Amino acid sequence: VPGSTPLALGSGAGNIASLAAFCLGGQPFLALTLHERPAEETLSLELAFSQGAVSATATFESTAGGAYVVALAEGPLAARLAGRDRSVAARLGGSDEGIVSLKGSTRAVRAALASCHTF
């Protein structure tokens, strides 16, 4: 759709309802929507990729529909999400959330972040 923001959206696991990669203000982000919002304003996110685990901090953003948001500009998370893994084990706030499918994420994440991130 002309003028719209590209978005890569996927289903989560456990308490993670969905994950969405997008650009905002020229910067790449990952938004996590949760089935049940914890009391904490920040949560640790750990994804166990085949190349090794990646940890990030997710911060609650009321202006993002109540999602927890991770900045993707620094570190390997964007590249790993757009990599070749088909699934990844997820931990959020220290709790195992299960396996998140990354099927189709290579193309989707690269397209969604094309205007704000170089892979």
PDB file of N, CA and C in Angstrom:
ATOM      1  N   VAL A   1       0.850  -1.168   0.000  1.00  0.00           N
ATOM      2  CA  VAL A   1       0.000   0.000   0.000  1.00  0.00           C
ATOM      3  C   VAL A   1       0.894   1.229   0.000  1.00  0.00           C
ATOM      4  N   PRO A   2       0.765   2.101  -0.998  1.00  0.00           N
ATOM      5  CA  PRO A   2       1.610   3.294  -1.052  1.00  0.00           C
ATOM      6  C   PRO A   2       1.447   4.159   0.199  1.00  0.00           C
ATOM      7  N   GLY A   3       2.563   4.616   0.738  1.00  0.00           N
ATOM      8  CA  GLY A   3       2.556   5.485   1.904  1.00  0.00           C
ATOM      9  C   GLY A   3       2.446   4.759   3.232  1.00  0.00           C
ATOM     10  N   SER A   4       2.286   3.448   3.206  1.00  0.00           N
ATOM     11  CA  SER A   4       2.183   2.707   4.462  1.00  0.00           C
ATOM     12  C   SER A   4       3.562   2.245   4.917  1.00  0.00           C
ATOM     13  N   THR A   5       3.652   1.839   6.167  1.00  0.00           N
ATOM     14  CA  THR A   5       4.904   1.355   6.729  1.00  0.00           C
ATOM     15  C   THR A   5       4.971  -0.159   6.603  1.00  0.00           C
ATOM     16  N   PRO A   6       6.008  -0.701   5.958  1.00  0.00           N
ATOM     17  CA  PRO A   6       6.142  -2.161   5.883  1.00  0.00           C
ATOM     18  C   PRO A   6       6.297  -2.755   7.279  1.00  0.00           C
ATOM     19  N   LEU A   7       5.751  -3.938   7.459  1.00  0.00           N
ATOM     20  CA  LEU A   7       5.737  -4.590   8.751  1.00  0.00           C
ATOM     21  C   LEU A   7       5.912  -6.086   8.558  1.00  0.00           C
ATOM     22  N   ALA A   8       6.772  -6.691   9.360  1.00  0.00           N
ATOM     23  CA  ALA A   8       6.892  -8.152   9.382  1.00  0.00           C
ATOM     24  C   ALA A   8       6.230  -8.611  10.667  1.00  0.00           C
ATOM     25  N   LEU A   9       5.187  -9.429  10.554  1.00  0.00           N
ATOM     26  CA  LEU A   9       4.406  -9.849  11.706  1.00  0.00           C
ATOM     27  C   LEU A   9       4.415 -11.362  11.826  1.00  0.00           C
ATOM     28  N   GLY A  10       4.595 -11.856  13.035  1.00  0.00           N
ATOM     29  CA  GLY A  10       4.589 -13.299  13.263  1.00  0.00           C
ATOM     30  C   GLY A  10       3.938 -13.641  14.584  1.00  0.00           C
ATOM     31  N   SER A  11       3.471 -14.862  14.692  1.00  0.00           N
ATOM     32  CA  SER A  11       2.867 -15.349  15.936  1.00  0.00           C
ATOM     33  C   SER A  11       3.949 -15.664  16.954  1.00  0.00           C
ATOM     34  N   GLY A  12       3.618 -15.475  18.202  1.00  0.00           N
ATOM     35  CA  GLY A  12       4.560 -15.771  19.265  1.00  0.00           C
ATOM     36  C   GLY A  12       4.319 -17.143  19.858  1.00  0.00           C
ATOM     37  N   ALA A  13       4.784 -17.320  21.081  1.00  0.00           N
ATOM     38  CA  ALA A  13       4.605 -18.567  21.829  1.00  0.00           C
ATOM     39  C   ALA A  13       4.455 -18.202  23.296  1.00  0.00           C
ATOM     40  N   GLY A  14       3.748 -19.034  24.058  1.00  0.00           N
ATOM     41  CA  GLY A  14       3.567 -18.753  25.474  1.00  0.00           C
ATOM     42  C   GLY A  14       2.832 -17.442  25.668  1.00  0.00           C
ATOM     43  N   ASN A  15       3.379 -16.559  26.500  1.00  0.00           N
ATOM     44  CA  ASN A  15       2.755 -15.262  26.750  1.00  0.00           C
ATOM     45  C   ASN A  15       2.975 -14.271  25.611  1.00  0.00           C
ATOM     46  N   ILE A  16       3.871 -14.573  24.686  1.00  0.00           N
ATOM     47  CA  ILE A  16       4.122 -13.683  23.546  1.00  0.00           C
ATOM     48  C   ILE A  16       3.054 -13.954  22.494  1.00  0.00           C
ATOM     49  N   ALA A  17       2.152 -12.991  22.293  1.00  0.00           N
ATOM     50  CA  ALA A  17       1.068 -13.150  21.315  1.00  0.00           C
ATOM     51  C   ALA A  17       1.585 -12.964  19.895  1.00  0.00           C
ATOM     52  N   SER A  18       2.407 -11.915  19.701  1.00  0.00           N
ATOM     53  CA  SER A  18       2.942 -11.655  18.363  1.00  0.00           C
ATOM     54  C   SER A  18       4.231 -10.860  18.450  1.00  0.00           C
ATOM     55  N   LEU A  19       4.988 -10.909  17.348  1.00  0.00           N
ATOM     56  CA  LEU A  19       6.206 -10.124  17.182  1.00  0.00           C
ATOM     57  C   LEU A  19       6.064  -9.352  15.880  1.00  0.00           C
ATOM     58  N   ALA A  20       6.491  -8.107  15.871  1.00  0.00           N
ATOM     59  CA  ALA A  20       6.405  -7.300  14.658  1.00  0.00           C
ATOM     60  C   ALA A  20       7.673  -6.474  14.506  1.00  0.00           C
ATOM     61  N   ALA A  21       8.316  -6.582  13.348  1.00  0.00           N
ATOM     62  CA  ALA A  21       9.498  -5.767  13.035  1.00  0.00           C
ATOM     63  C   ALA A  21       9.045  -4.624  12.139  1.00  0.00           C
ATOM     64  N   PHE A  22       9.541  -3.411  12.422  1.00  0.00           N
ATOM     65  CA  PHE A  22       9.110  -2.238  11.663  1.00  0.00           C
ATOM     66  C   PHE A  22      10.123  -1.107  11.824  1.00  0.00           C
ATOM     67  N   CYS A  23       9.996  -0.104  10.967  1.00  0.00           N
ATOM     68  CA  CYS A  23      10.812   1.104  11.054  1.00  0.00           C
ATOM     69  C   CYS A  23       9.950   2.240  11.596  1.00  0.00           C
ATOM     70  N   LEU A  24      10.541   3.076  12.420  1.00  0.00           N
ATOM     71  CA  LEU A  24       9.870   4.257  12.941  1.00  0.00           C
ATOM     72  C   LEU A  24      10.922   5.335  13.137  1.00  0.00           C
ATOM     73  N   GLY A  25      10.715   6.478  12.528  1.00  0.00           N
ATOM     74  CA  GLY A  25      11.686   7.559  12.645  1.00  0.00           C
ATOM     75  C   GLY A  25      13.052   7.179  12.128  1.00  0.00           C
ATOM     76  N   GLY A  26      13.093   6.311  11.117  1.00  0.00           N
ATOM     77  CA  GLY A  26      14.355   5.889  10.525  1.00  0.00           C
ATOM     78  C   GLY A  26      15.120   4.854  11.334  1.00  0.00           C
ATOM     79  N   GLN A  27      14.498   4.302  12.376  1.00  0.00           N
ATOM     80  CA  GLN A  27      15.150   3.314  13.234  1.00  0.00           C
ATOM     81  C   GLN A  27      14.364   1.999  13.223  1.00  0.00           C
ATOM     82  N   PRO A  28      15.062   0.846  13.336  1.00  0.00           N
ATOM     83  CA  PRO A  28      14.382  -0.453  13.354  1.00  0.00           C
ATOM     84  C   PRO A  28      13.965  -0.861  14.774  1.00  0.00           C
ATOM     85  N   PHE A  29      12.782  -1.455  14.867  1.00  0.00           N
ATOM     86  CA  PHE A  29      12.250  -1.898  16.154  1.00  0.00           C
ATOM     87  C   PHE A  29      11.583  -3.257  16.023  1.00  0.00           C
ATOM     88  N   LEU A  30      11.464  -3.941  17.151  1.00  0.00           N
ATOM     89  CA  LEU A  30      10.693  -5.170  17.270  1.00  0.00           C
ATOM     90  C   LEU A  30       9.683  -4.938  18.383  1.00  0.00           C
ATOM     91  N   ALA A  31       8.396  -5.118  18.082  1.00  0.00           N
ATOM     92  CA  ALA A  31       7.343  -4.975  19.088  1.00  0.00           C
ATOM     93  C   ALA A  31       6.826  -6.358  19.470  1.00  0.00           C
ATOM     94  N   LEU A  32       6.646  -6.565  20.760  1.00  0.00           N
ATOM     95  CA  LEU A  32       6.102  -7.812  21.288  1.00  0.00           C
ATOM     96  C   LEU A  32       4.767  -7.500  21.954  1.00  0.00           C
ATOM     97  N   THR A  33       3.695  -8.107  21.471  1.00  0.00           N
ATOM     98  CA  THR A  33       2.429  -8.000  22.186  1.00  0.00           C
ATOM     99  C   THR A  33       2.291  -9.253  23.040  1.00  0.00           C
ATOM    100  N   LEU A  34       1.745  -9.066  24.227  1.00  0.00           N
ATOM    101  CA  LEU A  34       1.656 -10.163  25.192  1.00  0.00           C
ATOM    102  C   LEU A  34       0.198 -10.491  25.502  1.00  0.00           C
ATOM    103  N   HIS A  35      -0.055 -11.736  25.824  1.00  0.00           N
ATOM    104  CA  HIS A  35      -1.399 -12.135  26.232  1.00  0.00           C
ATOM    105  C   HIS A  35      -1.750 -11.512  27.580  1.00  0.00           C
ATOM    106  N   GLU A  36      -0.795 -11.519  28.507  1.00  0.00           N
ATOM    107  CA  GLU A  36      -0.987 -10.919  29.827  1.00  0.00           C
ATOM    108  C   GLU A  36       0.189 -10.008  30.124  1.00  0.00           C
ATOM    109  N   ARG A  37      -0.112  -8.732  30.408  1.00  0.00           N
ATOM    110  CA  ARG A  37       0.947  -7.768  30.671  1.00  0.00           C
ATOM    111  C   ARG A  37       1.483  -7.940  32.089  1.00  0.00           C
ATOM    112  N   PRO A  38       2.803  -8.159  32.206  1.00  0.00           N
ATOM    113  CA  PRO A  38       3.409  -8.211  33.541  1.00  0.00           C
ATOM    114  C   PRO A  38       3.494  -6.809  34.148  1.00  0.00           C
ATOM    115  N   ALA A  39       3.767  -6.739  35.430  1.00  0.00           N
ATOM    116  CA  ALA A  39       3.866  -5.453  36.119  1.00  0.00           C
ATOM    117  C   ALA A  39       5.118  -4.679  35.713  1.00  0.00           C
ATOM    118  N   GLU A  40       6.166  -5.387  35.290  1.00  0.00           N
ATOM    119  CA  GLU A  40       7.440  -4.734  34.967  1.00  0.00           C
ATOM    120  C   GLU A  40       7.328  -3.872  33.707  1.00  0.00           C
ATOM    121  N   GLU A  41       8.012  -2.729  33.752  1.00  0.00           N
ATOM    122  CA  GLU A  41       8.069  -1.834  32.588  1.00  0.00           C
ATOM    123  C   GLU A  41       9.110  -2.301  31.576  1.00  0.00           C
ATOM    124  N   THR A  42      10.126  -3.027  32.044  1.00  0.00           N
ATOM    125  CA  THR A  42      11.142  -3.584  31.149  1.00  0.00           C
ATOM    126  C   THR A  42      11.263  -5.079  31.419  1.00  0.00           C
ATOM    127  N   LEU A  43      11.486  -5.820  30.340  1.00  0.00           N
ATOM    128  CA  LEU A  43      11.629  -7.268  30.419  1.00  0.00           C
ATOM    129  C   LEU A  43      12.845  -7.695  29.617  1.00  0.00           C
ATOM    130  N   SER A  44      13.518  -8.725  30.088  1.00  0.00           N
ATOM    131  CA  SER A  44      14.604  -9.292  29.293  1.00  0.00           C
ATOM    132  C   SER A  44      13.990 -10.233  28.261  1.00  0.00           C
ATOM    133  N   LEU A  45      14.501 -10.173  27.049  1.00  0.00           N
ATOM    134  CA  LEU A  45      14.092 -11.069  25.971  1.00  0.00           C
ATOM    135  C   LEU A  45      15.321 -11.839  25.550  1.00  0.00           C
ATOM    136  N   GLU A  46      15.213 -13.156  25.505  1.00  0.00           N
ATOM    137  CA  GLU A  46      16.323 -13.977  25.031  1.00  0.00           C
ATOM    138  C   GLU A  46      15.794 -14.940  23.986  1.00  0.00           C
ATOM    139  N   LEU A  47      16.437 -14.935  22.827  1.00  0.00           N
ATOM    140  CA  LEU A  47      16.082 -15.830  21.737  1.00  0.00           C
ATOM    141  C   LEU A  47      17.288 -16.706  21.438  1.00  0.00           C
ATOM    142  N   ALA A  48      17.093 -18.014  21.460  1.00  0.00           N
ATOM    143  CA  ALA A  48      18.184 -18.975  21.282  1.00  0.00           C
ATOM    144  C   ALA A  48      18.286 -19.389  19.818  1.00  0.00           C
ATOM    145  N   PHE A  49      19.074 -18.643  19.065  1.00  0.00           N
ATOM    146  CA  PHE A  49      19.310 -18.935  17.653  1.00  0.00           C
ATOM    147  C   PHE A  49      20.364 -20.026  17.520  1.00  0.00           C
ATOM    148  N   SER A  50      20.449 -20.630  16.350  1.00  0.00           N
ATOM    149  CA  SER A  50      21.445 -21.678  16.122  1.00  0.00           C
ATOM    150  C   SER A  50      22.870 -21.132  16.235  1.00  0.00           C
ATOM    151  N   GLN A  51      23.059 -19.838  15.991  1.00  0.00           N
ATOM    152  CA  GLN A  51      24.374 -19.199  16.085  1.00  0.00           C
ATOM    153  C   GLN A  51      24.673 -18.708  17.493  1.00  0.00           C
ATOM    154  N   GLY A  52      23.762 -18.964  18.422  1.00  0.00           N
ATOM    155  CA  GLY A  52      23.932 -18.511  19.794  1.00  0.00           C
ATOM    156  C   GLY A  52      22.777 -17.634  20.236  1.00  0.00           C
ATOM    157  N   ALA A  53      22.590 -17.563  21.529  1.00  0.00           N
ATOM    158  CA  ALA A  53      21.491 -16.777  22.093  1.00  0.00           C
ATOM    159  C   ALA A  53      21.760 -15.285  21.941  1.00  0.00           C
ATOM    160  N   VAL A  54      20.674 -14.534  21.755  1.00  0.00           N
ATOM    161  CA  VAL A  54      20.739 -13.078  21.700  1.00  0.00           C
ATOM    162  C   VAL A  54      19.794 -12.544  22.771  1.00  0.00           C
ATOM    163  N   SER A  55      20.306 -11.646  23.601  1.00  0.00           N
ATOM    164  CA  SER A  55      19.504 -11.024  24.652  1.00  0.00           C
ATOM    165  C   SER A  55      19.257  -9.565  24.317  1.00  0.00           C
ATOM    166  N   ALA A  56      18.090  -9.077  24.705  1.00  0.00           N
ATOM    167  CA  ALA A  56      17.733  -7.680  24.477  1.00  0.00           C
ATOM    168  C   ALA A  56      16.796  -7.241  25.593  1.00  0.00           C
ATOM    169  N   THR A  57      16.617  -5.945  25.719  1.00  0.00           N
ATOM    170  CA  THR A  57      15.689  -5.390  26.694  1.00  0.00           C
ATOM    171  C   THR A  57      14.461  -4.881  25.964  1.00  0.00           C
ATOM    172  N   ALA A  58      13.291  -5.332  26.407  1.00  0.00           N
ATOM    173  CA  ALA A  58      12.014  -4.893  25.842  1.00  0.00           C
ATOM    174  C   ALA A  58      11.366  -3.943  26.844  1.00  0.00           C
ATOM    175  N   THR A  59      10.968  -2.764  26.366  1.00  0.00           N
ATOM    176  CA  THR A  59      10.393  -1.732  27.219  1.00  0.00           C
ATOM    177  C   THR A  59       8.928  -1.516  26.878  1.00  0.00           C
ATOM    178  N   PHE A  60       8.063  -1.454  27.897  1.00  0.00           N
ATOM    179  CA  PHE A  60       6.640  -1.231  27.681  1.00  0.00           C
ATOM    180  C   PHE A  60       6.420   0.151  27.078  1.00  0.00           C
ATOM    181  N   GLU A  61       5.626   0.208  26.029  1.00  0.00           N
ATOM    182  CA  GLU A  61       5.313   1.467  25.350  1.00  0.00           C
ATOM    183  C   GLU A  61       3.803   1.582  25.196  1.00  0.00           C
ATOM    184  N   SER A  62       3.182   2.435  26.013  1.00  0.00           N
ATOM    185  CA  SER A  62       1.733   2.606  25.917  1.00  0.00           C
ATOM    186  C   SER A  62       1.340   3.186  24.564  1.00  0.00           C
ATOM    187  N   THR A  63       2.231   3.969  23.952  1.00  0.00           N
ATOM    188  CA  THR A  63       1.935   4.576  22.648  1.00  0.00           C
ATOM    189  C   THR A  63       2.077   3.591  21.496  1.00  0.00           C
ATOM    190  N   ALA A  64       2.530   2.372  21.784  1.00  0.00           N
ATOM    191  CA  ALA A  64       2.653   1.326  20.758  1.00  0.00           C
ATOM    192  C   ALA A  64       1.592   0.253  20.997  1.00  0.00           C
ATOM    193  N   GLY A  65       0.425   0.680  21.420  1.00  0.00           N
ATOM    194  CA  GLY A  65      -0.658  -0.259  21.652  1.00  0.00           C
ATOM    195  C   GLY A  65      -0.416  -1.165  22.838  1.00  0.00           C
ATOM    196  N   GLY A  66       0.417  -0.716  23.765  1.00  0.00           N
ATOM    197  CA  GLY A  66       0.708  -1.530  24.937  1.00  0.00           C
ATOM    198  C   GLY A  66       1.712  -2.634  24.687  1.00  0.00           C
ATOM    199  N   ALA A  67       2.448  -2.529  23.605  1.00  0.00           N
ATOM    200  CA  ALA A  67       3.466  -3.536  23.278  1.00  0.00           C
ATOM    201  C   ALA A  67       4.754  -3.243  24.046  1.00  0.00           C
ATOM    202  N   TYR A  68       5.582  -4.260  24.159  1.00  0.00           N
ATOM    203  CA  TYR A  68       6.950  -4.103  24.646  1.00  0.00           C
ATOM    204  C   TYR A  68       7.829  -3.979  23.408  1.00  0.00           C
ATOM    205  N   VAL A  69       8.705  -2.980  23.392  1.00  0.00           N
ATOM    206  CA  VAL A  69       9.464  -2.644  22.194  1.00  0.00           C
ATOM    207  C   VAL A  69      10.961  -2.809  22.436  1.00  0.00           C
ATOM    208  N   VAL A  70      11.625  -3.391  21.438  1.00  0.00           N
ATOM    209  CA  VAL A  70      13.076  -3.592  21.453  1.00  0.00           C
ATOM    210  C   VAL A  70      13.672  -2.777  20.314  1.00  0.00           C
ATOM    211  N   ALA A  71      14.672  -1.943  20.605  1.00  0.00           N
ATOM    212  CA  ALA A  71      15.405  -1.233  19.556  1.00  0.00           C
ATOM    213  C   ALA A  71      16.349  -2.223  18.880  1.00  0.00           C
ATOM    214  N   LEU A  72      16.328  -2.248  17.549  1.00  0.00           N
ATOM    215  CA  LEU A  72      17.135  -3.213  16.791  1.00  0.00           C
ATOM    216  C   LEU A  72      18.366  -2.599  16.122  1.00  0.00           C
ATOM    217  N   ALA A  73      18.618  -1.301  16.324  1.00  0.00           N
ATOM    218  CA  ALA A  73      19.714  -0.636  15.615  1.00  0.00           C
ATOM    219  C   ALA A  73      21.078  -1.214  15.980  1.00  0.00           C
ATOM    220  N   GLU A  74      21.262  -1.581  17.234  1.00  0.00           N
ATOM    221  CA  GLU A  74      22.544  -2.125  17.699  1.00  0.00           C
ATOM    222  C   GLU A  74      22.398  -3.619  17.953  1.00  0.00           C
ATOM    223  N   GLY A  75      23.470  -4.342  17.788  1.00  0.00           N
ATOM    224  CA  GLY A  75      23.464  -5.766  18.104  1.00  0.00           C
ATOM    225  C   GLY A  75      22.988  -6.633  16.952  1.00  0.00           C
ATOM    226  N   PRO A  76      23.021  -7.944  17.158  1.00  0.00           N
ATOM    227  CA  PRO A  76      22.753  -8.897  16.079  1.00  0.00           C
ATOM    228  C   PRO A  76      21.292  -9.331  15.926  1.00  0.00           C
ATOM    229  N   LEU A  77      20.375  -8.827  16.746  1.00  0.00           N
ATOM    230  CA  LEU A  77      19.019  -9.371  16.749  1.00  0.00           C
ATOM    231  C   LEU A  77      18.306  -9.237  15.407  1.00  0.00           C
ATOM    232  N   ALA A  78      18.372  -8.086  14.767  1.00  0.00           N
ATOM    233  CA  ALA A  78      17.693  -7.915  13.470  1.00  0.00           C
ATOM    234  C   ALA A  78      18.221  -8.907  12.445  1.00  0.00           C
ATOM    235  N   ALA A  79      19.538  -9.041  12.369  1.00  0.00           N
ATOM    236  CA  ALA A  79      20.136  -9.969  11.402  1.00  0.00           C
ATOM    237  C   ALA A  79      19.757 -11.412  11.711  1.00  0.00           C
ATOM    238  N   ARG A  80      19.704 -11.768  12.984  1.00  0.00           N
ATOM    239  CA  ARG A  80      19.337 -13.142  13.347  1.00  0.00           C
ATOM    240  C   ARG A  80      17.872 -13.417  13.017  1.00  0.00           C
ATOM    241  N   LEU A  81      16.991 -12.443  13.267  1.00  0.00           N
ATOM    242  CA  LEU A  81      15.577 -12.613  12.917  1.00  0.00           C
ATOM    243  C   LEU A  81      15.399 -12.773  11.414  1.00  0.00           C
ATOM    244  N   ALA A  82      16.278 -12.129  10.653  1.00  0.00           N
ATOM    245  CA  ALA A  82      16.220 -12.213   9.189  1.00  0.00           C
ATOM    246  C   ALA A  82      17.132 -13.310   8.655  1.00  0.00           C
ATOM    247  N   GLY A  83      17.665 -14.127   9.538  1.00  0.00           N
ATOM    248  CA  GLY A  83      18.582 -15.192   9.138  1.00  0.00           C
ATOM    249  C   GLY A  83      17.858 -16.432   8.664  1.00  0.00           C
ATOM    250  N   ARG A  84      18.536 -17.560   8.754  1.00  0.00           N
ATOM    251  CA  ARG A  84      18.006 -18.803   8.191  1.00  0.00           C
ATOM    252  C   ARG A  84      17.347 -19.743   9.204  1.00  0.00           C
ATOM    253  N   ASP A  85      17.353 -19.376  10.480  1.00  0.00           N
ATOM    254  CA  ASP A  85      16.680 -20.225  11.469  1.00  0.00           C
ATOM    255  C   ASP A  85      15.184 -20.278  11.179  1.00  0.00           C
ATOM    256  N   ARG A  86      14.601 -21.458  11.315  1.00  0.00           N
ATOM    257  CA  ARG A  86      13.162 -21.629  11.073  1.00  0.00           C
ATOM    258  C   ARG A  86      12.347 -21.523  12.360  1.00  0.00           C
ATOM    259  N   SER A  87      13.033 -21.631  13.491  1.00  0.00           N
ATOM    260  CA  SER A  87      12.365 -21.478  14.781  1.00  0.00           C
ATOM    261  C   SER A  87      13.413 -21.124  15.827  1.00  0.00           C
ATOM    262  N   VAL A  88      12.946 -20.600  16.946  1.00  0.00           N
ATOM    263  CA  VAL A  88      13.857 -20.167  17.998  1.00  0.00           C
ATOM    264  C   VAL A  88      13.145 -20.309  19.349  1.00  0.00           C
ATOM    265  N   ALA A  89      13.879 -20.768  20.355  1.00  0.00           N
ATOM    266  CA  ALA A  89      13.334 -20.829  21.711  1.00  0.00           C
ATOM    267  C   ALA A  89      13.359 -19.428  22.306  1.00  0.00           C
ATOM    268  N   ALA A  90      12.267 -19.060  22.988  1.00  0.00           N
ATOM    269  CA  ALA A  90      12.143 -17.708  23.530  1.00  0.00           C
ATOM    270  C   ALA A  90      11.996 -17.737  25.045  1.00  0.00           C
ATOM    271  N   ARG A  91      12.663 -16.775  25.687  1.00  0.00           N
ATOM    272  CA  ARG A  91      12.505 -16.527  27.120  1.00  0.00           C
ATOM    273  C   ARG A  91      12.163 -15.053  27.271  1.00  0.00           C
ATOM    274  N   LEU A  92      11.194 -14.766  28.124  1.00  0.00           N
ATOM    275  CA  LEU A  92      10.790 -13.386  28.366  1.00  0.00           C
ATOM    276  C   LEU A  92      10.685 -13.177  29.869  1.00  0.00           C
ATOM    277  N   GLY A  93      11.428 -12.195  30.371  1.00  0.00           N
ATOM    278  CA  GLY A  93      11.413 -11.940  31.805  1.00  0.00           C
ATOM    279  C   GLY A  93      11.845 -13.134  32.627  1.00  0.00           C
ATOM    280  N   GLY A  94      12.714 -13.977  32.061  1.00  0.00           N
ATOM    281  CA  GLY A  94      13.224 -15.142  32.761  1.00  0.00           C
ATOM    282  C   GLY A  94      12.365 -16.385  32.642  1.00  0.00           C
ATOM    283  N   SER A  95      11.219 -16.283  31.971  1.00  0.00           N
ATOM    284  CA  SER A  95      10.321 -17.436  31.818  1.00  0.00           C
ATOM    285  C   SER A  95      10.410 -18.015  30.417  1.00  0.00           C
ATOM    286  N   ASP A  96      10.469 -19.336  30.335  1.00  0.00           N
ATOM    287  CA  ASP A  96      10.441 -19.994  29.028  1.00  0.00           C
ATOM    288  C   ASP A  96       9.075 -19.776  28.396  1.00  0.00           C
ATOM    289  N   GLU A  97       9.065 -19.319  27.145  1.00  0.00           N
ATOM    290  CA  GLU A  97       7.810 -19.066  26.438  1.00  0.00           C
ATOM    291  C   GLU A  97       7.536 -20.102  25.359  1.00  0.00           C
ATOM    292  N   GLY A  98       8.522 -20.934  25.050  1.00  0.00           N
ATOM    293  CA  GLY A  98       8.333 -21.957  24.033  1.00  0.00           C
ATOM    294  C   GLY A  98       9.072 -21.625  22.752  1.00  0.00           C
ATOM    295  N   ILE A  99       8.646 -22.259  21.672  1.00  0.00           N
ATOM    296  CA  ILE A  99       9.310 -22.119  20.375  1.00  0.00           C
ATOM    297  C   ILE A  99       8.522 -21.165  19.482  1.00  0.00           C
ATOM    298  N   VAL A 100       9.212 -20.152  18.978  1.00  0.00           N
ATOM    299  CA  VAL A 100       8.619 -19.183  18.054  1.00  0.00           C
ATOM    300  C   VAL A 100       9.031 -19.573  16.640  1.00  0.00           C
ATOM    301  N   SER A 101       8.071 -19.688  15.753  1.00  0.00           N
ATOM    302  CA  SER A 101       8.367 -19.995  14.352  1.00  0.00           C
ATOM    303  C   SER A 101       8.946 -18.768  13.661  1.00  0.00           C
ATOM    304  N   LEU A 102       9.997 -18.976  12.894  1.00  0.00           N
ATOM    305  CA  LEU A 102      10.585 -17.908  12.083  1.00  0.00           C
ATOM    306  C   LEU A 102      10.417 -18.210  10.595  1.00  0.00           C
ATOM    307  N   LYS A 103       9.540 -19.137  10.268  1.00  0.00           N
ATOM    308  CA  LYS A 103       9.314 -19.500   8.872  1.00  0.00           C
ATOM    309  C   LYS A 103       8.873 -18.262   8.094  1.00  0.00           C
ATOM    310  N   GLY A 104       9.597 -17.964   7.031  1.00  0.00           N
ATOM    311  CA  GLY A 104       9.300 -16.800   6.197  1.00  0.00           C
ATOM    312  C   GLY A 104       9.871 -15.495   6.709  1.00  0.00           C
ATOM    313  N   SER A 105      10.579 -15.540   7.839  1.00  0.00           N
ATOM    314  CA  SER A 105      11.068 -14.293   8.433  1.00  0.00           C
ATOM    315  C   SER A 105      12.209 -13.657   7.656  1.00  0.00           C
ATOM    316  N   THR A 106      12.988 -14.443   6.938  1.00  0.00           N
ATOM    317  CA  THR A 106      14.128 -13.870   6.209  1.00  0.00           C
ATOM    318  C   THR A 106      13.651 -12.765   5.281  1.00  0.00           C
ATOM    319  N   ARG A 107      12.749 -13.081   4.414  1.00  0.00           N
ATOM    320  CA  ARG A 107      12.241 -12.102   3.448  1.00  0.00           C
ATOM    321  C   ARG A 107      11.399 -11.026   4.132  1.00  0.00           C
ATOM    322  N   ALA A 108      10.532 -11.422   5.055  1.00  0.00           N
ATOM    323  CA  ALA A 108       9.619 -10.474   5.693  1.00  0.00           C
ATOM    324  C   ALA A 108      10.358  -9.420   6.516  1.00  0.00           C
ATOM    325  N   VAL A 109      11.317  -9.844   7.339  1.00  0.00           N
ATOM    326  CA  VAL A 109      12.048  -8.895   8.181  1.00  0.00           C
ATOM    327  C   VAL A 109      12.924  -7.990   7.326  1.00  0.00           C
ATOM    328  N   ARG A 110      13.595  -8.551   6.338  1.00  0.00           N
ATOM    329  CA  ARG A 110      14.429  -7.721   5.458  1.00  0.00           C
ATOM    330  C   ARG A 110      13.590  -6.673   4.730  1.00  0.00           C
ATOM    331  N   ALA A 111      12.402  -7.039   4.270  1.00  0.00           N
ATOM    332  CA  ALA A 111      11.527  -6.086   3.578  1.00  0.00           C
ATOM    333  C   ALA A 111      11.010  -5.019   4.541  1.00  0.00           C
ATOM    334  N   ALA A 112      10.608  -5.433   5.732  1.00  0.00           N
ATOM    335  CA  ALA A 112      10.064  -4.487   6.702  1.00  0.00           C
ATOM    336  C   ALA A 112      11.100  -3.473   7.174  1.00  0.00           C
ATOM    337  N   LEU A 113      12.361  -3.891   7.260  1.00  0.00           N
ATOM    338  CA  LEU A 113      13.415  -3.011   7.775  1.00  0.00           C
ATOM    339  C   LEU A 113      14.290  -2.407   6.680  1.00  0.00           C
ATOM    340  N   ALA A 114      13.926  -2.612   5.431  1.00  0.00           N
ATOM    341  CA  ALA A 114      14.765  -2.162   4.309  1.00  0.00           C
ATOM    342  C   ALA A 114      15.059  -0.665   4.334  1.00  0.00           C
ATOM    343  N   SER A 115      14.128   0.148   4.798  1.00  0.00           N
ATOM    344  CA  SER A 115      14.332   1.597   4.764  1.00  0.00           C
ATOM    345  C   SER A 115      15.112   2.137   5.961  1.00  0.00           C
ATOM    346  N   CYS A 116      15.406   1.263   6.966  1.00  0.00           N
ATOM    347  CA  CYS A 116      16.044   1.795   8.171  1.00  0.00           C
ATOM    348  C   CYS A 116      17.190   0.944   8.709  1.00  0.00           C
ATOM    349  N   HIS A 117      17.478  -0.191   8.067  1.00  0.00           N
ATOM    350  CA  HIS A 117      18.516  -1.074   8.607  1.00  0.00           C
ATOM    351  C   HIS A 117      19.269  -1.743   7.467  1.00  0.00           C
ATOM    352  N   THR A 118      20.588  -1.807   7.595  1.00  0.00           N
ATOM    353  CA  THR A 118      21.425  -2.488   6.616  1.00  0.00           C
ATOM    354  C   THR A 118      21.836  -3.839   7.188  1.00  0.00           C
ATOM    355  N   PHE A 119      21.608  -4.882   6.414  1.00  0.00           N
ATOM    356  CA  PHE A 119      21.960  -6.233   6.851  1.00  0.00           C
ATOM    357  C   PHE A 119      23.318  -6.621   6.318  1.00  0.00           C
TER     358      PHE A 119
END
